[in-house]
Amino acid sequence: MPIDSSNPAAFDPFAVPTVTDLLNEIDSWQNPSDEPQTGRISDWEKTSLKPYIRYFKQHVDLVMSEERVKKRLRDEEIGGMAASDQTMDF
């Protein structure tokens, strides 16, 4: 269960759903709209875990975005060194 690091005191470990709760939510889920399904809905989207998983996904997306920037900078440094006319003689 992801915890909001800006307000950790708000997390109540006794209020999180149990596996049994989640299975019951999946079994009793019905499409809230009258529109036909265009794609498959994951089981986690049918449960009370949905907002927590979305929160965690936002965190992961941010970390991955930052890592892509760092990797690009590293690649440019390495590529810049390799493209330069400077060679090392041993």
C-alpha atoms as a PDB file:
ATOM      1  CA  MET A   1       0.000   0.000   0.000  1.00  0.00           C
ATOM      2  CA  PRO A   2       1.671   3.262  -1.050  1.00  0.00           C
ATOM      3  CA  ILE A   3       1.812   5.901   1.660  1.00  0.00           C
ATOM      4  CA  ASP A   4       1.699   9.626   0.956  1.00  0.00           C
ATOM      5  CA  SER A   5       5.083  10.763   2.243  1.00  0.00           C
ATOM      6  CA  SER A   6       3.836  14.323   2.680  1.00  0.00           C
ATOM      7  CA  ASN A   7       1.297  13.115   5.257  1.00  0.00           C
ATOM      8  CA  PRO A   8       2.324   9.712   6.658  1.00  0.00           C
ATOM      9  CA  ALA A   9       0.233  10.143   9.812  1.00  0.00           C
ATOM     10  CA  ALA A  10      -2.912   9.969   7.693  1.00  0.00           C
ATOM     11  CA  PHE A  11      -2.186   6.337   6.802  1.00  0.00           C
ATOM     12  CA  ASP A  12      -4.305   3.888   8.773  1.00  0.00           C
ATOM     13  CA  PRO A  13      -3.018   0.320   8.347  1.00  0.00           C
ATOM     14  CA  PHE A  14      -6.260  -1.050   9.766  1.00  0.00           C
ATOM     15  CA  ALA A  15      -8.340   0.647   7.073  1.00  0.00           C
ATOM     16  CA  VAL A  16      -6.642  -1.015   4.104  1.00  0.00           C
ATOM     17  CA  PRO A  17      -8.581  -3.720   2.297  1.00  0.00           C
ATOM     18  CA  THR A  18      -7.837  -7.359   2.910  1.00  0.00           C
ATOM     19  CA  VAL A  19      -7.384  -9.918   0.159  1.00  0.00           C
ATOM     20  CA  THR A  20     -10.868 -11.228   0.894  1.00  0.00           C
ATOM     21  CA  ASP A  21     -12.289  -7.712   0.546  1.00  0.00           C
ATOM     22  CA  LEU A  22     -10.542  -7.267  -2.782  1.00  0.00           C
ATOM     23  CA  LEU A  23     -11.771 -10.595  -4.132  1.00  0.00           C
ATOM     24  CA  ASN A  24     -15.326  -9.714  -3.112  1.00  0.00           C
ATOM     25  CA  GLU A  25     -15.012  -6.326  -4.837  1.00  0.00           C
ATOM     26  CA  ILE A  26     -13.842  -8.008  -8.045  1.00  0.00           C
ATOM     27  CA  ASP A  27     -16.632 -10.593  -7.918  1.00  0.00           C
ATOM     28  CA  SER A  28     -19.350  -8.009  -7.300  1.00  0.00           C
ATOM     29  CA  TRP A  29     -18.063  -5.362  -9.760  1.00  0.00           C
ATOM     30  CA  GLN A  30     -20.409  -4.174 -12.460  1.00  0.00           C
ATOM     31  CA  ASN A  31     -19.673  -1.701 -15.225  1.00  0.00           C
ATOM     32  CA  PRO A  32     -20.859   1.661 -13.836  1.00  0.00           C
ATOM     33  CA  SER A  33     -21.766   2.975 -17.282  1.00  0.00           C
ATOM     34  CA  ASP A  34     -24.256   1.673 -19.792  1.00  0.00           C
ATOM     35  CA  GLU A  35     -21.641   1.848 -22.524  1.00  0.00           C
ATOM     36  CA  PRO A  36     -20.188  -1.426 -23.802  1.00  0.00           C
ATOM     37  CA  GLN A  37     -16.625  -2.253 -22.823  1.00  0.00           C
ATOM     38  CA  THR A  38     -14.110  -1.291 -25.503  1.00  0.00           C
ATOM     39  CA  GLY A  39     -11.159  -2.883 -23.740  1.00  0.00           C
ATOM     40  CA  ARG A  40     -10.347  -5.206 -20.896  1.00  0.00           C
ATOM     41  CA  ILE A  41     -10.524  -3.739 -17.401  1.00  0.00           C
ATOM     42  CA  SER A  42      -7.847  -5.015 -15.037  1.00  0.00           C
ATOM     43  CA  ASP A  43      -9.016  -6.560 -11.793  1.00  0.00           C
ATOM     44  CA  TRP A  44      -7.211  -3.923  -9.710  1.00  0.00           C
ATOM     45  CA  GLU A  45      -9.342  -1.252 -11.416  1.00  0.00           C
ATOM     46  CA  LYS A  46     -12.418  -2.927  -9.963  1.00  0.00           C
ATOM     47  CA  THR A  47     -11.226  -2.586  -6.376  1.00  0.00           C
ATOM     48  CA  SER A  48     -10.614  -0.004  -3.690  1.00  0.00           C
ATOM     49  CA  LEU A  49      -6.896  -0.306  -4.520  1.00  0.00           C
ATOM     50  CA  LYS A  50      -7.417   1.739  -7.683  1.00  0.00           C
ATOM     51  CA  PRO A  51      -6.542   5.184  -6.208  1.00  0.00           C
ATOM     52  CA  TYR A  52      -3.499   3.751  -4.427  1.00  0.00           C
ATOM     53  CA  ILE A  53      -2.198   2.063  -7.547  1.00  0.00           C
ATOM     54  CA  ARG A  54      -2.697   5.257  -9.546  1.00  0.00           C
ATOM     55  CA  TYR A  55      -0.817   7.221  -6.866  1.00  0.00           C
ATOM     56  CA  PHE A  56       2.038   4.735  -6.968  1.00  0.00           C
ATOM     57  CA  LYS A  57       2.075   4.755 -10.779  1.00  0.00           C
ATOM     58  CA  GLN A  58       2.435   8.551 -10.748  1.00  0.00           C
ATOM     59  CA  HIS A  59       5.428   8.179  -8.441  1.00  0.00           C
ATOM     60  CA  VAL A  60       7.023   5.531 -10.655  1.00  0.00           C
ATOM     61  CA  ASP A  61       6.387   7.630 -13.774  1.00  0.00           C
ATOM     62  CA  LEU A  62       8.131  10.600 -12.144  1.00  0.00           C
ATOM     63  CA  VAL A  63      11.127   8.489 -11.112  1.00  0.00           C
ATOM     64  CA  MET A  64      11.373   6.980 -14.598  1.00  0.00           C
ATOM     65  CA  SER A  65      11.162  10.423 -16.209  1.00  0.00           C
ATOM     66  CA  GLU A  66      13.985  11.717 -14.013  1.00  0.00           C
ATOM     67  CA  GLU A  67      16.058   8.639 -14.801  1.00  0.00           C
ATOM     68  CA  ARG A  68      15.547   9.108 -18.560  1.00  0.00           C
ATOM     69  CA  VAL A  69      16.900  12.670 -18.263  1.00  0.00           C
ATOM     70  CA  LYS A  70      19.932  11.450 -16.300  1.00  0.00           C
ATOM     71  CA  LYS A  71      20.546   8.645 -18.785  1.00  0.00           C
ATOM     72  CA  ARG A  72      20.325  11.042 -21.718  1.00  0.00           C
ATOM     73  CA  LEU A  73      22.879  13.339 -20.054  1.00  0.00           C
ATOM     74  CA  ARG A  74      25.199  10.375 -19.388  1.00  0.00           C
ATOM     75  CA  ASP A  75      24.828   9.189 -22.980  1.00  0.00           C
ATOM     76  CA  GLU A  76      25.597  12.677 -24.286  1.00  0.00           C
ATOM     77  CA  GLU A  77      28.729  12.828 -22.114  1.00  0.00           C
ATOM     78  CA  ILE A  78      29.914   9.441 -23.313  1.00  0.00           C
ATOM     79  CA  GLY A  79      28.945  10.174 -26.891  1.00  0.00           C
ATOM     80  CA  GLY A  80      30.655  13.543 -26.731  1.00  0.00           C
ATOM     81  CA  MET A  81      33.840  11.956 -25.471  1.00  0.00           C
ATOM     82  CA  ALA A  82      33.744   9.254 -28.112  1.00  0.00           C
ATOM     83  CA  ALA A  83      33.069  11.759 -30.880  1.00  0.00           C
ATOM     84  CA  SER A  84      35.954  14.009 -29.878  1.00  0.00           C
ATOM     85  CA  ASP A  85      39.311  13.813 -31.611  1.00  0.00           C
ATOM     86  CA  GLN A  86      41.084  13.135 -28.339  1.00  0.00           C
ATOM     87  CA  THR A  87      42.476   9.648 -28.037  1.00  0.00           C
ATOM     88  CA  MET A  88      44.376   8.084 -25.220  1.00  0.00           C
ATOM     89  CA  ASP A  89      47.730   6.535 -25.923  1.00  0.00           C
ATOM     90  CA  PHE A  90      49.031   3.796 -23.659  1.00  0.00           C
END
